[in-house]
Amino acid sequence: MKTEKDVSFSESDVDKDSRRAFLEKASAALVVIGAPPAQGNPPEDATGDTKESLFQPEHLWTDRMRAPDDGKRYGWFVDTRRCVGCHACEVSCKAENDVPLGNYIRQTFYKDVGEYPQVARLFMPMACQHCEDAPCIKGCPCGALHKTTGGTVAIDYNTCCGHGTCVDVCPYGAIYMDPVANQAVKCHNCYHRLEEQMEPACANTCPADAISFGDLNDENSKISKAMRDAEEKKLETQQLRPEKNTKPRMWFVGEAPVEIEERIPKEGESYSPEAYNIYNWKERHEDK
């Protein structure tokens, strides 16, 4: 009979196969090991907030919350005024990371505003915020979520047990459970591209130059230049759901964050094809 030791493996074992192949191998291991299923919706208190009881004891995640001392601090700057809703960022992300149909590492949300003839459609590209105080790391019971280079929040697929608590505690709906491997998947800043001195696929693909990524500690990085430009133009920068105190590493400019925030998934939710329902692009009649 196989034991956990017999099915141990590393990401290098799959050589040049895709992440998908790696997850399939991980799935086979989980069947033998007997990983617990994802939890589903998190418990709520009287105010509707996710209980902190889902967090693990602090001594179990303190080290994983600490990023390597590499002098880098990665971040994202999204100019929603420039986004045209072309989905190039999503398509490139799916292709780069072999994301299955119906699942999303990043997603663009819509909303129609104004009254005819003064109307506009707002777009807001979303992905993991790579929080400095990441709830997913605090909630992970198997120790798979951790900080890596530049503060990137990443998942160790040798360790992920498919418990799903990370989905339950993420305030931005940025994590999904892979339907094959039953393991958590999220944006990892395309660290495999960063190692080759390339931008993440989404930032590199965006035709409107709406997505900027880089090292906040490097004054010549793309994100540093974008942040300075916004400051010089006196543009208000915003972060999503600051009341969650997660210290996200993604900043937005434009009116989309205010208008679309309510449509962004919350704790216990993930990005969904429902976001593309045309009735979600404008207020439903019954909402008026």
C-alpha atoms as a PDB file:
ATOM      1  CA  MET A   1       0.000   0.000   0.000  1.00  0.00           C
ATOM      2  CA  LYS A   2       1.281   3.446  -0.863  1.00  0.00           C
ATOM      3  CA  THR A   3       2.119   5.875   1.900  1.00  0.00           C
ATOM      4  CA  GLU A   4       2.466   9.651   1.926  1.00  0.00           C
ATOM      5  CA  LYS A   5       6.212   9.147   1.587  1.00  0.00           C
ATOM      6  CA  ASP A   6       5.702   7.013  -1.529  1.00  0.00           C
ATOM      7  CA  VAL A   7       3.775   9.760  -3.321  1.00  0.00           C
ATOM      8  CA  SER A   8       5.958  12.702  -2.339  1.00  0.00           C
ATOM      9  CA  PHE A   9       7.161  14.784  -5.260  1.00  0.00           C
ATOM     10  CA  SER A  10       8.501  18.200  -6.158  1.00  0.00           C
ATOM     11  CA  GLU A  11       7.626  20.647  -8.901  1.00  0.00           C
ATOM     12  CA  SER A  12      10.846  19.648 -10.659  1.00  0.00           C
ATOM     13  CA  ASP A  13       9.498  16.092 -11.031  1.00  0.00           C
ATOM     14  CA  VAL A  14       7.147  17.232 -13.773  1.00  0.00           C
ATOM     15  CA  ASP A  15      10.114  18.738 -15.644  1.00  0.00           C
ATOM     16  CA  LYS A  16       8.807  21.016 -18.372  1.00  0.00           C
ATOM     17  CA  ASP A  17       5.143  20.028 -18.074  1.00  0.00           C
ATOM     18  CA  SER A  18       2.554  22.722 -17.438  1.00  0.00           C
ATOM     19  CA  ARG A  19       1.230  23.751 -14.033  1.00  0.00           C
ATOM     20  CA  ARG A  20      -1.860  21.802 -15.000  1.00  0.00           C
ATOM     21  CA  ALA A  21       0.143  18.585 -15.291  1.00  0.00           C
ATOM     22  CA  PHE A  22       1.692  19.323 -11.935  1.00  0.00           C
ATOM     23  CA  LEU A  23      -1.732  19.782 -10.356  1.00  0.00           C
ATOM     24  CA  GLU A  24      -2.939  16.531 -11.899  1.00  0.00           C
ATOM     25  CA  LYS A  25      -0.006  14.748 -10.278  1.00  0.00           C
ATOM     26  CA  ALA A  26      -0.774  16.539  -7.031  1.00  0.00           C
ATOM     27  CA  SER A  27      -4.377  15.367  -7.315  1.00  0.00           C
ATOM     28  CA  ALA A  28      -3.253  11.740  -7.580  1.00  0.00           C
ATOM     29  CA  ALA A  29      -1.184  12.176  -4.435  1.00  0.00           C
ATOM     30  CA  LEU A  30      -4.095  13.739  -2.583  1.00  0.00           C
ATOM     31  CA  VAL A  31      -6.310  10.751  -3.336  1.00  0.00           C
ATOM     32  CA  VAL A  32      -3.763   8.511  -1.596  1.00  0.00           C
ATOM     33  CA  ILE A  33      -3.074  10.876   1.265  1.00  0.00           C
ATOM     34  CA  GLY A  34      -6.752  11.689   1.801  1.00  0.00           C
ATOM     35  CA  ALA A  35      -6.825  15.469   1.840  1.00  0.00           C
ATOM     36  CA  PRO A  36      -9.882  17.067   3.486  1.00  0.00           C
ATOM     37  CA  PRO A  37     -12.391  18.749   1.155  1.00  0.00           C
ATOM     38  CA  ALA A  38     -12.795  22.487   0.667  1.00  0.00           C
ATOM     39  CA  GLN A  39     -14.977  24.112   3.289  1.00  0.00           C
ATOM     40  CA  GLY A  40     -17.435  26.087   1.192  1.00  0.00           C
ATOM     41  CA  ASN A  41     -18.913  29.281   2.617  1.00  0.00           C
ATOM     42  CA  PRO A  42     -17.257  30.574   5.794  1.00  0.00           C
ATOM     43  CA  PRO A  43     -19.186  31.055   9.046  1.00  0.00           C
ATOM     44  CA  GLU A  44     -20.322  34.598   9.737  1.00  0.00           C
ATOM     45  CA  ASP A  45     -21.010  36.609  12.838  1.00  0.00           C
ATOM     46  CA  ALA A  46     -24.042  38.829  13.358  1.00  0.00           C
ATOM     47  CA  THR A  47     -22.540  41.606  11.223  1.00  0.00           C
ATOM     48  CA  GLY A  48     -21.871  39.304   8.263  1.00  0.00           C
ATOM     49  CA  ASP A  49     -18.076  39.471   8.650  1.00  0.00           C
ATOM     50  CA  THR A  50     -15.950  36.357   8.347  1.00  0.00           C
ATOM     51  CA  LYS A  51     -14.883  35.170  11.785  1.00  0.00           C
ATOM     52  CA  GLU A  52     -11.210  35.349  12.598  1.00  0.00           C
ATOM     53  CA  SER A  53     -11.644  31.910  14.131  1.00  0.00           C
ATOM     54  CA  LEU A  54     -10.742  30.594  10.666  1.00  0.00           C
ATOM     55  CA  PHE A  55      -7.199  31.912  11.174  1.00  0.00           C
ATOM     56  CA  GLN A  56      -4.526  29.556  12.433  1.00  0.00           C
ATOM     57  CA  PRO A  57      -2.560  30.362  15.622  1.00  0.00           C
ATOM     58  CA  GLU A  58      -0.089  33.158  14.934  1.00  0.00           C
ATOM     59  CA  HIS A  59       3.024  31.084  15.566  1.00  0.00           C
ATOM     60  CA  LEU A  60       2.038  28.809  12.669  1.00  0.00           C
ATOM     61  CA  TRP A  61       2.037  31.552  10.024  1.00  0.00           C
ATOM     62  CA  THR A  62       4.384  34.307  11.244  1.00  0.00           C
ATOM     63  CA  ASP A  63       7.375  32.980   9.325  1.00  0.00           C
ATOM     64  CA  ARG A  64       5.324  32.388   6.170  1.00  0.00           C
ATOM     65  CA  MET A  65       4.036  35.977   6.265  1.00  0.00           C
ATOM     66  CA  ARG A  66       7.609  37.271   6.201  1.00  0.00           C
ATOM     67  CA  ALA A  67       8.925  37.921   2.671  1.00  0.00           C
ATOM     68  CA  PRO A  68      12.548  37.099   1.801  1.00  0.00           C
ATOM     69  CA  ASP A  69      14.985  39.915   2.485  1.00  0.00           C
ATOM     70  CA  ASP A  70      15.757  40.453  -1.196  1.00  0.00           C
ATOM     71  CA  GLY A  71      15.273  44.223  -1.258  1.00  0.00           C
ATOM     72  CA  LYS A  72      12.259  43.938  -3.580  1.00  0.00           C
ATOM     73  CA  ARG A  73       8.666  45.009  -3.002  1.00  0.00           C
ATOM     74  CA  TYR A  74       6.407  44.072  -5.901  1.00  0.00           C
ATOM     75  CA  GLY A  75       3.168  45.922  -6.529  1.00  0.00           C
ATOM     76  CA  TRP A  76       0.475  46.701  -9.095  1.00  0.00           C
ATOM     77  CA  PHE A  77      -0.960  49.946 -10.430  1.00  0.00           C
ATOM     78  CA  VAL A  78      -4.192  49.799 -12.462  1.00  0.00           C
ATOM     79  CA  ASP A  79      -5.433  52.828 -14.382  1.00  0.00           C
ATOM     80  CA  THR A  80      -9.100  51.958 -14.854  1.00  0.00           C
ATOM     81  CA  ARG A  81      -9.554  55.027 -17.077  1.00  0.00           C
ATOM     82  CA  ARG A  82      -7.405  53.340 -19.703  1.00  0.00           C
ATOM     83  CA  CYS A  83      -8.955  49.862 -19.493  1.00  0.00           C
ATOM     84  CA  VAL A  84     -11.184  49.117 -22.523  1.00  0.00           C
ATOM     85  CA  GLY A  85     -12.447  45.727 -21.327  1.00  0.00           C
ATOM     86  CA  CYS A  86     -10.700  43.760 -24.087  1.00  0.00           C
ATOM     87  CA  HIS A  87      -9.903  40.786 -21.779  1.00  0.00           C
ATOM     88  CA  ALA A  88      -6.369  40.485 -23.156  1.00  0.00           C
ATOM     89  CA  CYS A  89      -5.050  40.284 -19.600  1.00  0.00           C
ATOM     90  CA  GLU A  90      -7.392  37.400 -18.809  1.00  0.00           C
ATOM     91  CA  VAL A  91      -6.659  35.513 -22.005  1.00  0.00           C
ATOM     92  CA  SER A  92      -2.896  35.823 -21.572  1.00  0.00           C
ATOM     93  CA  CYS A  93      -3.194  34.748 -17.922  1.00  0.00           C
ATOM     94  CA  LYS A  94      -5.245  31.691 -18.854  1.00  0.00           C
ATOM     95  CA  ALA A  95      -2.793  30.738 -21.583  1.00  0.00           C
ATOM     96  CA  GLU A  96       0.280  31.336 -19.422  1.00  0.00           C
ATOM     97  CA  ASN A  97      -1.044  29.359 -16.459  1.00  0.00           C
ATOM     98  CA  ASP A  98      -3.269  26.801 -18.197  1.00  0.00           C
ATOM     99  CA  VAL A  99      -6.377  27.916 -16.294  1.00  0.00           C
ATOM    100  CA  PRO A 100      -9.383  25.610 -16.913  1.00  0.00           C
ATOM    101  CA  LEU A 101     -12.679  26.803 -18.387  1.00  0.00           C
ATOM    102  CA  GLY A 102     -14.953  28.465 -15.840  1.00  0.00           C
ATOM    103  CA  ASN A 103     -12.073  29.438 -13.564  1.00  0.00           C
ATOM    104  CA  TYR A 104     -10.120  32.688 -13.429  1.00  0.00           C
ATOM    105  CA  ILE A 105      -6.905  33.901 -11.858  1.00  0.00           C
ATOM    106  CA  ARG A 106      -7.869  37.409 -12.950  1.00  0.00           C
ATOM    107  CA  GLN A 107     -11.118  38.880 -14.193  1.00  0.00           C
ATOM    108  CA  THR A 108     -12.458  42.184 -15.553  1.00  0.00           C
ATOM    109  CA  PHE A 109     -15.650  43.553 -14.028  1.00  0.00           C
ATOM    110  CA  TYR A 110     -18.115  45.876 -15.775  1.00  0.00           C
ATOM    111  CA  LYS A 111     -20.677  48.518 -14.948  1.00  0.00           C
ATOM    112  CA  ASP A 112     -22.713  50.911 -17.098  1.00  0.00           C
ATOM    113  CA  VAL A 113     -23.170  54.370 -15.564  1.00  0.00           C
ATOM    114  CA  GLY A 114     -25.035  57.550 -16.463  1.00  0.00           C
ATOM    115  CA  GLU A 115     -28.262  58.231 -18.311  1.00  0.00           C
ATOM    116  CA  TYR A 116     -28.731  58.414 -22.053  1.00  0.00           C
ATOM    117  CA  PRO A 117     -27.175  60.157 -23.870  1.00  0.00           C
ATOM    118  CA  GLN A 118     -24.461  60.705 -21.215  1.00  0.00           C
ATOM    119  CA  VAL A 119     -23.507  57.085 -20.638  1.00  0.00           C
ATOM    120  CA  ALA A 120     -20.266  55.193 -20.099  1.00  0.00           C
ATOM    121  CA  ARG A 121     -19.092  51.664 -19.414  1.00  0.00           C
ATOM    122  CA  LEU A 122     -16.537  51.239 -16.664  1.00  0.00           C
ATOM    123  CA  PHE A 123     -14.074  48.353 -16.476  1.00  0.00           C
ATOM    124  CA  MET A 124     -12.037  47.095 -13.566  1.00  0.00           C
ATOM    125  CA  PRO A 125      -9.385  44.363 -13.998  1.00  0.00           C
ATOM    126  CA  MET A 126      -8.963  42.356 -10.801  1.00  0.00           C
ATOM    127  CA  ALA A 127      -6.559  39.751  -9.439  1.00  0.00           C
ATOM    128  CA  CYS A 128      -4.874  38.820  -6.168  1.00  0.00           C
ATOM    129  CA  GLN A 129      -3.851  41.907  -4.197  1.00  0.00           C
ATOM    130  CA  HIS A 130      -0.738  40.219  -2.733  1.00  0.00           C
ATOM    131  CA  CYS A 131      -1.598  41.684   0.663  1.00  0.00           C
ATOM    132  CA  GLU A 132       1.133  42.535   3.129  1.00  0.00           C
ATOM    133  CA  ASP A 133      -1.131  41.186   5.889  1.00  0.00           C
ATOM    134  CA  ALA A 134      -2.566  38.317   3.843  1.00  0.00           C
ATOM    135  CA  PRO A 135      -5.621  36.565   5.359  1.00  0.00           C
ATOM    136  CA  CYS A 136      -5.058  33.532   3.122  1.00  0.00           C
ATOM    137  CA  ILE A 137      -1.681  32.881   4.776  1.00  0.00           C
ATOM    138  CA  LYS A 138      -3.249  33.204   8.231  1.00  0.00           C
ATOM    139  CA  GLY A 139      -6.066  30.831   7.338  1.00  0.00           C
ATOM    140  CA  CYS A 140      -4.133  28.111   5.495  1.00  0.00           C
ATOM    141  CA  PRO A 141      -4.193  25.014   7.772  1.00  0.00           C
ATOM    142  CA  CYS A 142      -1.542  23.101   5.813  1.00  0.00           C
ATOM    143  CA  GLY A 143       1.079  25.876   5.578  1.00  0.00           C
ATOM    144  CA  ALA A 144       1.053  26.044   1.778  1.00  0.00           C
ATOM    145  CA  LEU A 145       0.532  29.789   1.361  1.00  0.00           C
ATOM    146  CA  HIS A 146       3.604  31.901   1.967  1.00  0.00           C
ATOM    147  CA  LYS A 147       5.516  35.010   0.891  1.00  0.00           C
ATOM    148  CA  THR A 148       8.189  34.676  -1.746  1.00  0.00           C
ATOM    149  CA  THR A 149      10.351  37.159  -3.682  1.00  0.00           C
ATOM    150  CA  GLY A 150       9.181  40.765  -3.528  1.00  0.00           C
ATOM    151  CA  GLY A 151       6.339  39.879  -1.153  1.00  0.00           C
ATOM    152  CA  THR A 152       4.515  37.728  -3.714  1.00  0.00           C
ATOM    153  CA  VAL A 153       1.894  35.533  -2.037  1.00  0.00           C
ATOM    154  CA  ALA A 154       2.414  32.066  -3.489  1.00  0.00           C
ATOM    155  CA  ILE A 155       1.203  28.490  -2.980  1.00  0.00           C
ATOM    156  CA  ASP A 156       3.437  25.472  -2.355  1.00  0.00           C
ATOM    157  CA  TYR A 157       1.719  22.664  -4.259  1.00  0.00           C
ATOM    158  CA  ASN A 158       3.761  20.063  -2.396  1.00  0.00           C
ATOM    159  CA  THR A 159       1.926  21.192   0.734  1.00  0.00           C
ATOM    160  CA  CYS A 160      -1.550  22.389  -0.345  1.00  0.00           C
ATOM    161  CA  CYS A 161      -4.158  19.952   0.989  1.00  0.00           C
ATOM    162  CA  GLY A 162      -7.229  21.432  -0.707  1.00  0.00           C
ATOM    163  CA  HIS A 163      -8.861  22.531   2.547  1.00  0.00           C
ATOM    164  CA  GLY A 164     -10.231  25.711   0.949  1.00  0.00           C
ATOM    165  CA  THR A 165      -9.937  28.018   3.963  1.00  0.00           C
ATOM    166  CA  CYS A 166      -7.933  30.440   1.828  1.00  0.00           C
ATOM    167  CA  VAL A 167     -11.007  30.905  -0.384  1.00  0.00           C
ATOM    168  CA  ASP A 168     -13.151  31.439   2.704  1.00  0.00           C
ATOM    169  CA  VAL A 169     -10.997  34.253   4.102  1.00  0.00           C
ATOM    170  CA  CYS A 170      -9.899  36.123   0.952  1.00  0.00           C
ATOM    171  CA  PRO A 171     -11.768  39.489   0.916  1.00  0.00           C
ATOM    172  CA  TYR A 172     -11.273  39.836  -2.850  1.00  0.00           C
ATOM    173  CA  GLY A 173     -12.442  36.468  -4.200  1.00  0.00           C
ATOM    174  CA  ALA A 174      -9.044  35.996  -5.837  1.00  0.00           C
ATOM    175  CA  ILE A 175      -8.526  32.276  -5.124  1.00  0.00           C
ATOM    176  CA  TYR A 176     -10.255  29.296  -6.702  1.00  0.00           C
ATOM    177  CA  MET A 177     -10.067  25.536  -6.163  1.00  0.00           C
ATOM    178  CA  ASP A 178      -8.680  23.644  -9.145  1.00  0.00           C
ATOM    179  CA  PRO A 179     -11.406  21.169 -10.228  1.00  0.00           C
ATOM    180  CA  VAL A 180      -8.874  18.457 -11.111  1.00  0.00           C
ATOM    181  CA  ALA A 181      -6.341  18.618  -8.290  1.00  0.00           C
ATOM    182  CA  ASN A 182      -8.633  20.068  -5.597  1.00  0.00           C
ATOM    183  CA  GLN A 183      -5.898  22.550  -4.746  1.00  0.00           C
ATOM    184  CA  ALA A 184      -6.008  26.321  -4.402  1.00  0.00           C
ATOM    185  CA  VAL A 185      -4.895  28.470  -7.350  1.00  0.00           C
ATOM    186  CA  LYS A 186      -4.225  32.209  -7.472  1.00  0.00           C
ATOM    187  CA  CYS A 187      -2.038  34.836  -9.102  1.00  0.00           C
ATOM    188  CA  HIS A 188       1.652  34.333  -8.318  1.00  0.00           C
ATOM    189  CA  ASN A 189       2.935  37.401 -10.195  1.00  0.00           C
ATOM    190  CA  CYS A 190       4.120  35.047 -12.956  1.00  0.00           C
ATOM    191  CA  TYR A 191       7.252  34.397 -10.895  1.00  0.00           C
ATOM    192  CA  HIS A 192       8.520  32.047 -13.606  1.00  0.00           C
ATOM    193  CA  ARG A 193       8.544  35.026 -15.995  1.00  0.00           C
ATOM    194  CA  LEU A 194      10.133  37.349 -13.432  1.00  0.00           C
ATOM    195  CA  GLU A 195      13.014  34.903 -13.141  1.00  0.00           C
ATOM    196  CA  GLU A 196      13.607  35.461 -16.863  1.00  0.00           C
ATOM    197  CA  GLN A 197      13.422  39.263 -16.477  1.00  0.00           C
ATOM    198  CA  MET A 198       9.971  39.393 -18.104  1.00  0.00           C
ATOM    199  CA  GLU A 199       6.793  41.138 -16.943  1.00  0.00           C
ATOM    200  CA  PRO A 200       3.774  39.127 -15.784  1.00  0.00           C
ATOM    201  CA  ALA A 201       1.762  38.003 -18.814  1.00  0.00           C
ATOM    202  CA  CYS A 202      -1.192  40.312 -18.137  1.00  0.00           C
ATOM    203  CA  ALA A 203       0.911  43.484 -17.810  1.00  0.00           C
ATOM    204  CA  ASN A 204       2.934  42.587 -20.871  1.00  0.00           C
ATOM    205  CA  THR A 205      -0.194  41.955 -22.963  1.00  0.00           C
ATOM    206  CA  CYS A 206      -2.414  44.913 -22.008  1.00  0.00           C
ATOM    207  CA  PRO A 207      -2.773  47.021 -25.222  1.00  0.00           C
ATOM    208  CA  ALA A 208      -4.034  50.058 -23.302  1.00  0.00           C
ATOM    209  CA  ASP A 209      -1.114  50.096 -20.853  1.00  0.00           C
ATOM    210  CA  ALA A 210      -3.646  50.068 -18.024  1.00  0.00           C
ATOM    211  CA  ILE A 211      -1.733  47.541 -15.884  1.00  0.00           C
ATOM    212  CA  SER A 212       1.649  48.421 -14.419  1.00  0.00           C
ATOM    213  CA  PHE A 213       3.746  45.997 -12.384  1.00  0.00           C
ATOM    214  CA  GLY A 214       7.137  46.307 -10.797  1.00  0.00           C
ATOM    215  CA  ASP A 215       9.350  46.830  -7.785  1.00  0.00           C
ATOM    216  CA  LEU A 216       8.132  49.684  -5.598  1.00  0.00           C
ATOM    217  CA  ASN A 217      11.660  49.986  -4.197  1.00  0.00           C
ATOM    218  CA  ASP A 218      13.034  50.704  -7.672  1.00  0.00           C
ATOM    219  CA  GLU A 219      12.358  54.313  -8.659  1.00  0.00           C
ATOM    220  CA  ASN A 220      12.832  53.416 -12.314  1.00  0.00           C
ATOM    221  CA  SER A 221      10.351  50.542 -12.341  1.00  0.00           C
ATOM    222  CA  LYS A 222       7.141  50.791 -14.323  1.00  0.00           C
ATOM    223  CA  ILE A 223       4.945  50.936 -11.239  1.00  0.00           C
ATOM    224  CA  SER A 224       7.075  53.601  -9.545  1.00  0.00           C
ATOM    225  CA  LYS A 225       6.862  55.786 -12.638  1.00  0.00           C
ATOM    226  CA  ALA A 226       3.087  55.259 -12.858  1.00  0.00           C
ATOM    227  CA  MET A 227       2.627  56.152  -9.179  1.00  0.00           C
ATOM    228  CA  ARG A 228       4.731  59.301  -9.563  1.00  0.00           C
ATOM    229  CA  ASP A 229       2.806  60.321 -12.664  1.00  0.00           C
ATOM    230  CA  ALA A 230      -0.492  59.926 -10.783  1.00  0.00           C
ATOM    231  CA  GLU A 231       0.847  62.019  -7.912  1.00  0.00           C
ATOM    232  CA  GLU A 232       2.071  64.765 -10.233  1.00  0.00           C
ATOM    233  CA  LYS A 233      -1.316  64.872 -11.942  1.00  0.00           C
ATOM    234  CA  LYS A 234      -3.006  64.910  -8.530  1.00  0.00           C
ATOM    235  CA  LEU A 235      -4.942  61.739  -9.323  1.00  0.00           C
ATOM    236  CA  GLU A 236      -6.495  60.008  -6.345  1.00  0.00           C
ATOM    237  CA  THR A 237      -5.174  56.470  -5.869  1.00  0.00           C
ATOM    238  CA  GLN A 238      -7.407  53.924  -4.178  1.00  0.00           C
ATOM    239  CA  GLN A 239      -7.070  50.477  -2.690  1.00  0.00           C
ATOM    240  CA  LEU A 240      -9.903  48.003  -2.561  1.00  0.00           C
ATOM    241  CA  ARG A 241     -11.702  47.408   0.730  1.00  0.00           C
ATOM    242  CA  PRO A 242      -9.211  49.194   2.999  1.00  0.00           C
ATOM    243  CA  GLU A 243     -11.464  48.435   5.984  1.00  0.00           C
ATOM    244  CA  LYS A 244     -10.206  44.840   5.798  1.00  0.00           C
ATOM    245  CA  ASN A 245      -6.746  46.055   6.906  1.00  0.00           C
ATOM    246  CA  THR A 246      -4.970  43.627   4.579  1.00  0.00           C
ATOM    247  CA  LYS A 247      -2.571  46.279   3.196  1.00  0.00           C
ATOM    248  CA  PRO A 248      -3.013  45.256  -0.448  1.00  0.00           C
ATOM    249  CA  ARG A 249      -0.218  45.830  -2.967  1.00  0.00           C
ATOM    250  CA  MET A 250      -2.558  46.985  -5.743  1.00  0.00           C
ATOM    251  CA  TRP A 251      -3.542  50.616  -6.379  1.00  0.00           C
ATOM    252  CA  PHE A 252      -6.239  51.940  -8.703  1.00  0.00           C
ATOM    253  CA  VAL A 253      -7.056  55.287 -10.305  1.00  0.00           C
ATOM    254  CA  GLY A 254     -10.347  56.236 -11.921  1.00  0.00           C
ATOM    255  CA  GLU A 255     -13.948  55.984 -10.756  1.00  0.00           C
ATOM    256  CA  ALA A 256     -14.343  52.250 -11.437  1.00  0.00           C
ATOM    257  CA  PRO A 257     -13.242  51.046  -7.967  1.00  0.00           C
ATOM    258  CA  VAL A 258     -15.988  53.064  -6.272  1.00  0.00           C
ATOM    259  CA  GLU A 259     -18.676  52.122  -8.786  1.00  0.00           C
ATOM    260  CA  ILE A 260     -17.778  48.449  -9.190  1.00  0.00           C
ATOM    261  CA  GLU A 261     -16.535  47.493  -5.708  1.00  0.00           C
ATOM    262  CA  GLU A 262     -19.856  45.905  -4.735  1.00  0.00           C
ATOM    263  CA  ARG A 263     -19.575  43.482  -7.647  1.00  0.00           C
ATOM    264  CA  ILE A 264     -16.160  42.151  -6.670  1.00  0.00           C
ATOM    265  CA  PRO A 265     -16.408  38.710  -4.980  1.00  0.00           C
ATOM    266  CA  LYS A 266     -16.008  38.575  -1.224  1.00  0.00           C
ATOM    267  CA  GLU A 267     -14.958  35.972   1.348  1.00  0.00           C
ATOM    268  CA  GLY A 268     -15.997  32.467   0.344  1.00  0.00           C
ATOM    269  CA  GLU A 269     -16.447  33.448  -3.323  1.00  0.00           C
ATOM    270  CA  SER A 270     -14.303  33.210  -6.462  1.00  0.00           C
ATOM    271  CA  TYR A 271     -14.330  34.866  -9.870  1.00  0.00           C
ATOM    272  CA  SER A 272     -17.186  33.460 -11.936  1.00  0.00           C
ATOM    273  CA  PRO A 273     -18.495  33.466 -15.549  1.00  0.00           C
ATOM    274  CA  GLU A 274     -21.572  35.171 -14.075  1.00  0.00           C
ATOM    275  CA  ALA A 275     -19.588  38.428 -14.144  1.00  0.00           C
ATOM    276  CA  TYR A 276     -20.004  38.423 -17.927  1.00  0.00           C
ATOM    277  CA  ASN A 277     -23.790  38.265 -17.776  1.00  0.00           C
ATOM    278  CA  ILE A 278     -24.921  41.329 -19.718  1.00  0.00           C
ATOM    279  CA  TYR A 279     -27.464  42.106 -17.003  1.00  0.00           C
ATOM    280  CA  ASN A 280     -24.590  42.685 -14.611  1.00  0.00           C
ATOM    281  CA  TRP A 281     -23.135  45.424 -16.810  1.00  0.00           C
ATOM    282  CA  LYS A 282     -25.885  47.833 -15.894  1.00  0.00           C
ATOM    283  CA  GLU A 283     -28.190  48.114 -12.937  1.00  0.00           C
ATOM    284  CA  ARG A 284     -31.047  45.651 -13.101  1.00  0.00           C
ATOM    285  CA  HIS A 285     -34.478  47.211 -13.437  1.00  0.00           C
ATOM    286  CA  GLU A 286     -35.537  46.020  -9.984  1.00  0.00           C
ATOM    287  CA  ASP A 287     -32.506  47.748  -8.438  1.00  0.00           C
ATOM    288  CA  LYS A 288     -33.676  51.178  -9.607  1.00  0.00           C
END
